[in-house]
Amino acid sequence: MVKKTARSERAALKKNLKRQKLLNSQGERFFYFINDFILLVAFILVAYPIIYVFSASFSSPSAVMSNKVVLWPVDFSLEGYKAVLREQKVWVGYSNTIFYTLVGTLINLTLTILCAYPLSRKDFVGRNIFMFIITFTMIFSGGMLPTYLVIKELGMLNTRWAMLLPGAIGVWNVIIARTYYQTNISDELLEVSFLDGCDNFRFLWKIVLPLSKPITAVMVLFYAVGHWNAYFSAFIYLSNRAIFPLQLYLREILVINQMTSNMTYDAELMAARQGLADLLKYSLIIVASLPIWCMYPFIQKHFVKGIMVGAIKG
C-alpha cells in the first residue's frame, strides 16, 4: 500500500513538472514573440528614415520634389553631392571639424581618465568631496551668458580653444569611467604592481589603460560624435569663417539655397530650385554623417562591452 502511494505521488509529481515545463515553454515563446515584434517595429522606425534619406540623396530633384522616393532611389542622380562637394567651404569645414574632433577627443579622453582613475582609488583622500563637487555641476551650471563672459575674459572668443576647452570634461563620462575602474581594476592588482616597483603613473599607463579598452572606446565614440556634431558652441563663440566647423557651413549652404528658391517668381524655376534645395538637405545629412558611420564598426566590439559597465558584478 505504501509503495503504491509513493509510486502515485511520483507519477503526479512528474505530471506536474511536465505541465509546468509546458507552461514555461509556452510563456517563454510568447515572451520572445512579443519581444521580437517590439524590436522589429523599433528597428523599422529607426532604419526607415535613414534608408529614405540615403535613397533621396541619390535621386533626382524632381523625384524628391514630387515625393516619388519611398525606399529605393528614383532617377539615380549625383546632382546633390556634386552641388555640395563643389563648395570650397565644405572642404574647409571638413578640415576644421576633423581637427576639432581629433584634438578635442584627445583632450577629453586625457582629462577624463586623469580625473576618473584617482576617484576610483579607495586610498585617495577626499575623493567623496571631489566627486560631490564634480556631480554638482550636472545639476547646476553657470548658464549661457556667464559662460560666454568667462570665455571672452579668458581670450578664447573667436579662437579654436573656444571649441575645445569649455567642454573638456564630461561629468557623466567621468562617472562611467570611475565605475568601470572600481569594478574591473582590483586592489590586489594594484598591490602586486607596487610590490614590483610600479608607481601610480606607470600603473595607469601599463596596466589600467590596456585593461580598460571597452570603456575607452565608449568615451572616444561619445566625445567624437559630440565634437563632430558641435554646432551651437561654434554659432555663439566663432565669427572667423576660417575656423568654422562643417556644421555651420552646411547650415549656410542649406539656408542660401532655400532663400534662393523662394526669391524667384518663375513657377518652373521655383519648383526646380526647391527640388534642388530638398535634395541638398538629404545630401548634406549623408555628407555630415558618413565619417561617424565609418568609425563605429571599428569600435563596436569594445562599445558593447563598455556600455554594459556595472550591469554585472561579482
Protein backbone atom coordinates (compact mmCIF):
# COMPACT_ATOMS: atom_id res chain seq x y z
CA MET A 1 0.00 0.00 0.00
CA VAL A 2 2.82 2.36 0.89
CA LYS A 3 4.69 1.52 -2.33
CA LYS A 4 1.57 2.24 -4.43
CA THR A 5 1.10 5.60 -2.69
CA ALA A 6 4.74 6.58 -3.25
CA ARG A 7 4.54 5.48 -6.88
CA SER A 8 1.37 7.51 -7.46
CA GLU A 9 2.95 10.57 -5.80
CA ARG A 10 6.00 10.30 -8.07
CA ALA A 11 3.74 9.97 -11.10
CA ALA A 12 1.72 13.02 -10.02
CA LEU A 13 4.94 14.95 -9.42
CA LYS A 14 6.27 14.08 -12.88
CA LYS A 15 2.94 15.06 -14.41
CA ASN A 16 3.02 18.42 -12.61
CA LEU A 17 6.63 19.01 -13.70
CA LYS A 18 5.73 18.29 -17.33
CA ARG A 19 2.73 20.62 -17.12
CA GLN A 20 4.87 23.33 -15.52
CA LYS A 21 7.59 22.91 -18.17
CA LEU A 22 4.95 23.14 -20.90
CA LEU A 23 3.53 26.31 -19.37
CA ASN A 24 7.02 27.77 -19.02
CA SER A 25 7.93 26.96 -22.61
CA GLN A 26 4.68 28.49 -23.87
CA GLY A 27 5.26 31.56 -21.71
CA GLU A 28 8.84 31.89 -22.98
CA ARG A 29 7.72 31.54 -26.60
CA PHE A 30 5.05 34.19 -26.07
CA PHE A 31 7.59 36.49 -24.36
CA TYR A 32 10.13 36.08 -27.17
CA PHE A 33 7.44 36.65 -29.78
CA ILE A 34 6.33 39.93 -28.16
CA ASN A 35 9.95 40.97 -27.61
CA ASP A 36 10.94 40.23 -31.22
CA PHE A 37 7.86 42.05 -32.52
CA ILE A 38 8.64 45.18 -30.48
CA LEU A 39 12.30 45.11 -31.56
CA LEU A 40 11.27 44.67 -35.21
CA VAL A 41 8.92 47.66 -35.02
CA ALA A 42 11.62 49.74 -33.31
CA PHE A 43 14.15 48.72 -35.98
CA ILE A 44 11.79 49.74 -38.78
CA LEU A 45 11.04 53.08 -37.13
CA VAL A 46 14.77 53.79 -36.75
CA ALA A 47 16.04 52.32 -40.02
CA TYR A 48 13.45 53.64 -42.47
CA PRO A 49 14.27 57.37 -42.08
CA ILE A 50 17.95 56.57 -42.65
CA ILE A 51 17.15 54.47 -45.72
CA TYR A 52 14.84 57.19 -47.04
CA VAL A 53 17.44 59.94 -46.59
CA PHE A 54 20.09 57.78 -48.27
CA SER A 55 17.79 56.95 -51.21
CA ALA A 56 16.59 60.53 -51.60
CA SER A 57 20.17 61.81 -51.72
CA PHE A 58 20.80 59.65 -54.81
CA SER A 59 17.54 60.60 -56.54
CA SER A 60 16.80 63.41 -58.96
CA PRO A 61 15.46 66.75 -57.66
CA SER A 62 12.14 66.25 -59.47
CA ALA A 63 11.67 62.81 -57.85
CA VAL A 64 12.37 64.24 -54.41
CA MET A 65 10.09 67.21 -55.04
CA SER A 66 7.19 65.01 -56.17
CA ASN A 67 7.63 62.57 -53.24
CA LYS A 68 8.27 59.60 -55.53
CA VAL A 69 11.08 58.27 -53.31
CA VAL A 70 9.82 55.62 -50.90
CA LEU A 71 12.52 53.00 -50.40
CA TRP A 72 14.86 53.00 -53.40
CA PRO A 73 16.49 55.88 -55.35
CA VAL A 74 14.32 57.19 -58.20
CA ASP A 75 16.04 58.52 -61.33
CA PHE A 76 19.52 57.92 -59.93
CA SER A 77 21.46 61.18 -59.76
CA LEU A 78 24.56 62.57 -58.06
CA GLU A 79 23.47 66.17 -58.52
CA GLY A 80 23.03 66.75 -54.80
CA TYR A 81 26.51 65.51 -53.93
CA LYS A 82 28.05 67.49 -56.80
CA ALA A 83 26.37 70.66 -55.53
CA VAL A 84 27.65 70.03 -52.02
CA LEU A 85 31.19 68.97 -52.84
CA ARG A 86 31.85 71.74 -55.35
CA GLU A 87 31.59 74.22 -52.48
CA GLN A 88 35.08 75.08 -51.25
CA LYS A 89 33.69 75.94 -47.83
CA VAL A 90 32.68 72.29 -47.33
CA TRP A 91 36.31 71.18 -47.51
CA VAL A 92 37.37 73.98 -45.15
CA GLY A 93 34.65 72.91 -42.75
CA TYR A 94 35.70 69.27 -43.02
CA SER A 95 39.31 70.07 -42.15
CA ASN A 96 38.25 72.20 -39.18
CA THR A 97 35.80 69.59 -37.89
CA ILE A 98 38.38 66.82 -38.21
CA PHE A 99 40.80 68.97 -36.20
CA TYR A 100 38.19 69.70 -33.53
CA THR A 101 37.21 66.03 -33.35
CA LEU A 102 40.74 64.62 -33.10
CA VAL A 103 42.27 67.22 -30.78
CA GLY A 104 39.10 67.68 -28.74
CA THR A 105 38.63 63.93 -28.21
CA LEU A 106 42.27 63.60 -27.16
CA ILE A 107 41.87 66.41 -24.61
CA ASN A 108 38.57 64.96 -23.35
CA LEU A 109 39.96 61.45 -23.04
CA THR A 110 43.14 62.55 -21.24
CA LEU A 111 41.37 64.75 -18.70
CA THR A 112 38.55 62.27 -18.12
CA ILE A 113 40.95 59.40 -17.38
CA LEU A 114 43.15 61.55 -15.15
CA CYS A 115 40.04 62.60 -13.25
CA ALA A 116 38.19 59.26 -13.11
CA TYR A 117 41.07 56.98 -12.12
CA PRO A 118 42.08 58.80 -8.88
CA LEU A 119 38.39 59.00 -7.90
CA SER A 120 38.17 55.21 -8.23
CA ARG A 121 41.01 54.64 -5.75
CA LYS A 122 39.92 53.97 -2.16
CA ASP A 123 43.17 55.45 -0.82
CA PHE A 124 42.55 58.83 -2.49
CA VAL A 125 41.92 61.28 0.37
CA GLY A 126 38.85 63.48 -0.13
CA ARG A 127 37.57 61.61 -3.18
CA ASN A 128 33.94 61.84 -1.98
CA ILE A 129 34.21 65.62 -1.66
CA PHE A 130 35.68 65.96 -5.15
CA MET A 131 33.05 63.60 -6.52
CA PHE A 132 30.29 65.71 -4.97
CA ILE A 133 31.75 68.90 -6.48
CA ILE A 134 32.00 67.29 -9.92
CA THR A 135 28.49 65.81 -9.76
CA PHE A 136 27.08 69.14 -8.55
CA THR A 137 27.89 70.66 -11.95
CA MET A 138 25.46 68.22 -13.61
CA ILE A 139 22.57 69.81 -11.69
CA PHE A 140 23.61 73.46 -11.55
CA SER A 141 25.59 75.26 -14.24
CA GLY A 142 26.54 78.87 -14.81
CA GLY A 143 24.30 79.32 -17.83
CA MET A 144 24.97 80.56 -21.34
CA LEU A 145 25.69 84.24 -20.63
CA PRO A 146 28.13 83.71 -17.72
CA THR A 147 29.89 81.02 -19.76
CA TYR A 148 30.18 83.41 -22.71
CA LEU A 149 31.62 86.13 -20.47
CA VAL A 150 34.16 83.73 -18.96
CA ILE A 151 35.32 82.60 -22.41
CA LYS A 152 35.56 86.22 -23.53
CA GLU A 153 37.60 87.27 -20.48
CA LEU A 154 39.95 84.30 -20.97
CA GLY A 155 40.66 85.46 -24.52
CA MET A 156 39.27 82.31 -26.14
CA LEU A 157 36.49 84.06 -28.04
CA ASN A 158 36.76 83.51 -31.80
CA THR A 159 39.60 81.00 -31.39
CA ARG A 160 39.78 77.23 -31.77
CA TRP A 161 40.13 76.88 -27.99
CA ALA A 162 36.52 78.00 -27.59
CA MET A 163 35.51 74.74 -29.26
CA LEU A 164 37.90 72.55 -27.27
CA LEU A 165 38.24 73.69 -23.65
CA PRO A 166 34.76 74.65 -22.32
CA GLY A 167 33.52 71.05 -22.57
CA ALA A 168 36.86 69.38 -21.89
CA ILE A 169 35.41 67.02 -19.27
CA GLY A 170 32.07 65.27 -19.45
CA VAL A 171 30.84 64.57 -15.91
CA TRP A 172 28.73 61.61 -16.99
CA ASN A 173 31.73 60.03 -18.70
CA VAL A 174 33.81 60.57 -15.56
CA ILE A 175 31.21 58.69 -13.52
CA ILE A 176 31.06 55.82 -16.03
CA ALA A 177 34.87 55.53 -16.22
CA ARG A 178 35.23 55.69 -12.43
CA THR A 179 32.67 52.89 -12.03
CA TYR A 180 34.49 50.78 -14.61
CA TYR A 181 37.84 51.20 -12.85
CA GLN A 182 36.30 50.36 -9.48
CA THR A 183 34.64 47.22 -10.87
CA ASN A 184 37.43 45.84 -13.07
CA ILE A 185 40.74 47.04 -11.56
CA SER A 186 41.19 45.13 -8.32
CA ASP A 187 43.10 46.33 -5.27
CA GLU A 188 45.17 43.13 -5.35
CA LEU A 189 46.44 44.01 -8.83
CA LEU A 190 47.50 47.44 -7.55
CA GLU A 191 49.29 45.94 -4.55
CA VAL A 192 51.17 43.38 -6.65
CA SER A 193 52.22 46.08 -9.13
CA PHE A 194 53.52 48.31 -6.35
CA LEU A 195 55.46 45.39 -4.87
CA ASP A 196 57.17 45.01 -8.24
CA GLY A 197 58.27 48.65 -8.14
CA CYS A 198 55.49 50.20 -10.22
CA ASP A 199 54.44 53.79 -9.47
CA ASN A 200 51.00 55.36 -9.99
CA PHE A 201 51.54 56.78 -13.48
CA ARG A 202 53.21 53.63 -14.75
CA PHE A 203 50.40 51.51 -13.29
CA LEU A 204 47.86 53.71 -15.07
CA TRP A 205 49.71 53.60 -18.40
CA LYS A 206 50.87 49.98 -18.45
CA ILE A 207 48.04 48.17 -16.68
CA VAL A 208 44.87 50.25 -16.25
CA LEU A 209 44.61 51.58 -19.81
CA PRO A 210 45.23 48.22 -21.57
CA LEU A 211 42.58 46.63 -19.34
CA SER A 212 40.14 49.46 -20.00
CA LYS A 213 39.79 49.34 -23.78
CA PRO A 214 35.97 48.88 -23.71
CA ILE A 215 35.25 51.97 -21.63
CA THR A 216 37.91 53.95 -23.50
CA ALA A 217 36.21 53.06 -26.80
CA VAL A 218 32.85 54.20 -25.40
CA MET A 219 34.29 57.54 -24.33
CA VAL A 220 36.03 58.01 -27.69
CA LEU A 221 32.73 57.45 -29.50
CA PHE A 222 30.73 59.76 -27.23
CA TYR A 223 33.27 62.58 -27.33
CA ALA A 224 33.99 62.24 -31.07
CA VAL A 225 30.30 62.34 -32.00
CA GLY A 226 29.83 65.37 -29.76
CA HIS A 227 32.69 67.26 -31.42
CA TRP A 228 31.64 66.22 -34.92
CA ASN A 229 28.10 67.50 -34.40
CA ALA A 230 29.16 70.64 -32.49
CA TYR A 231 27.08 73.49 -33.83
CA PHE A 232 25.71 75.73 -31.10
CA SER A 233 29.06 76.49 -29.49
CA ALA A 234 30.54 77.50 -32.85
CA PHE A 235 27.46 79.59 -33.59
CA ILE A 236 27.96 81.56 -30.35
CA TYR A 237 31.73 81.81 -29.98
CA LEU A 238 33.08 81.95 -33.56
CA SER A 239 32.85 84.70 -36.15
CA ASN A 240 36.02 83.93 -38.12
CA ARG A 241 34.89 81.90 -41.13
CA ALA A 242 38.32 80.30 -41.48
CA ILE A 243 37.72 78.25 -38.31
CA PHE A 244 34.04 77.43 -38.83
CA PRO A 245 33.21 73.72 -38.36
CA LEU A 246 31.44 71.72 -41.04
CA GLN A 247 28.01 72.03 -39.43
CA LEU A 248 27.97 75.83 -39.76
CA TYR A 249 28.95 75.69 -43.42
CA LEU A 250 26.32 73.06 -44.17
CA ARG A 251 23.67 75.20 -42.48
CA GLU A 252 24.82 78.18 -44.53
CA ILE A 253 24.59 76.24 -47.81
CA LEU A 254 21.13 74.98 -46.93
CA VAL A 255 19.81 78.42 -45.91
CA ILE A 256 21.22 80.11 -49.02
CA ASN A 257 19.66 77.54 -51.36
CA GLN A 258 16.33 77.75 -49.52
CA MET A 259 16.30 81.55 -49.79
CA THR A 260 17.29 81.44 -53.47
CA SER A 261 14.41 79.09 -54.29
CA ASN A 262 11.93 81.44 -52.56
CA MET A 263 13.18 84.63 -54.25
CA THR A 264 12.15 83.74 -57.81
CA TYR A 265 8.70 84.37 -59.34
CA ASP A 266 9.00 81.83 -62.15
CA ALA A 267 6.93 78.78 -61.10
CA GLU A 268 9.04 76.29 -63.04
CA LEU A 269 12.31 77.75 -61.82
CA MET A 270 10.98 77.91 -58.27
CA ALA A 271 10.00 74.24 -58.37
CA ALA A 272 13.39 73.24 -59.77
CA ARG A 273 15.27 75.21 -57.12
CA GLN A 274 13.00 73.92 -54.38
CA GLY A 275 13.70 70.37 -55.56
CA LEU A 276 17.43 71.06 -55.50
CA ALA A 277 17.13 72.56 -52.01
CA ASP A 278 15.34 69.43 -50.78
CA LEU A 279 17.93 67.22 -52.46
CA LEU A 280 20.74 69.24 -50.86
CA LYS A 281 19.16 68.70 -47.46
CA TYR A 282 19.43 64.92 -47.78
CA SER A 283 22.88 65.03 -49.36
CA LEU A 284 24.14 67.25 -46.54
CA ILE A 285 22.90 64.75 -43.94
CA ILE A 286 24.84 61.91 -45.60
CA VAL A 287 27.98 64.02 -46.06
CA ALA A 288 27.91 65.11 -42.43
CA SER A 289 27.16 61.64 -41.01
CA LEU A 290 29.32 59.36 -43.16
CA PRO A 291 32.62 59.66 -41.20
CA ILE A 292 30.91 58.72 -37.92
CA TRP A 293 29.22 55.75 -39.60
CA CYS A 294 32.61 54.60 -40.87
CA MET A 295 34.17 54.91 -37.41
CA TYR A 296 31.57 52.93 -35.48
CA PRO A 297 32.34 49.39 -36.87
CA PHE A 298 35.94 49.63 -35.64
CA ILE A 299 34.93 50.18 -32.02
CA GLN A 300 31.66 48.22 -31.94
CA LYS A 301 33.10 45.19 -30.12
CA HIS A 302 34.50 47.41 -27.36
CA PHE A 303 31.39 49.59 -27.31
CA VAL A 304 29.08 46.68 -26.45
CA LYS A 305 31.30 45.69 -23.50
CA GLY A 306 31.85 49.21 -22.23
CA ILE A 307 28.23 50.31 -22.36
CA MET A 308 27.28 47.45 -20.02
CA VAL A 309 29.65 48.63 -17.29
CA GLY A 310 28.20 47.97 -13.85
CA ALA A 311 25.41 45.73 -15.17
CA ILE A 312 27.04 42.53 -13.85
CA LYS A 313 29.02 42.39 -10.63
CA GLY A 314 30.83 39.60 -8.85
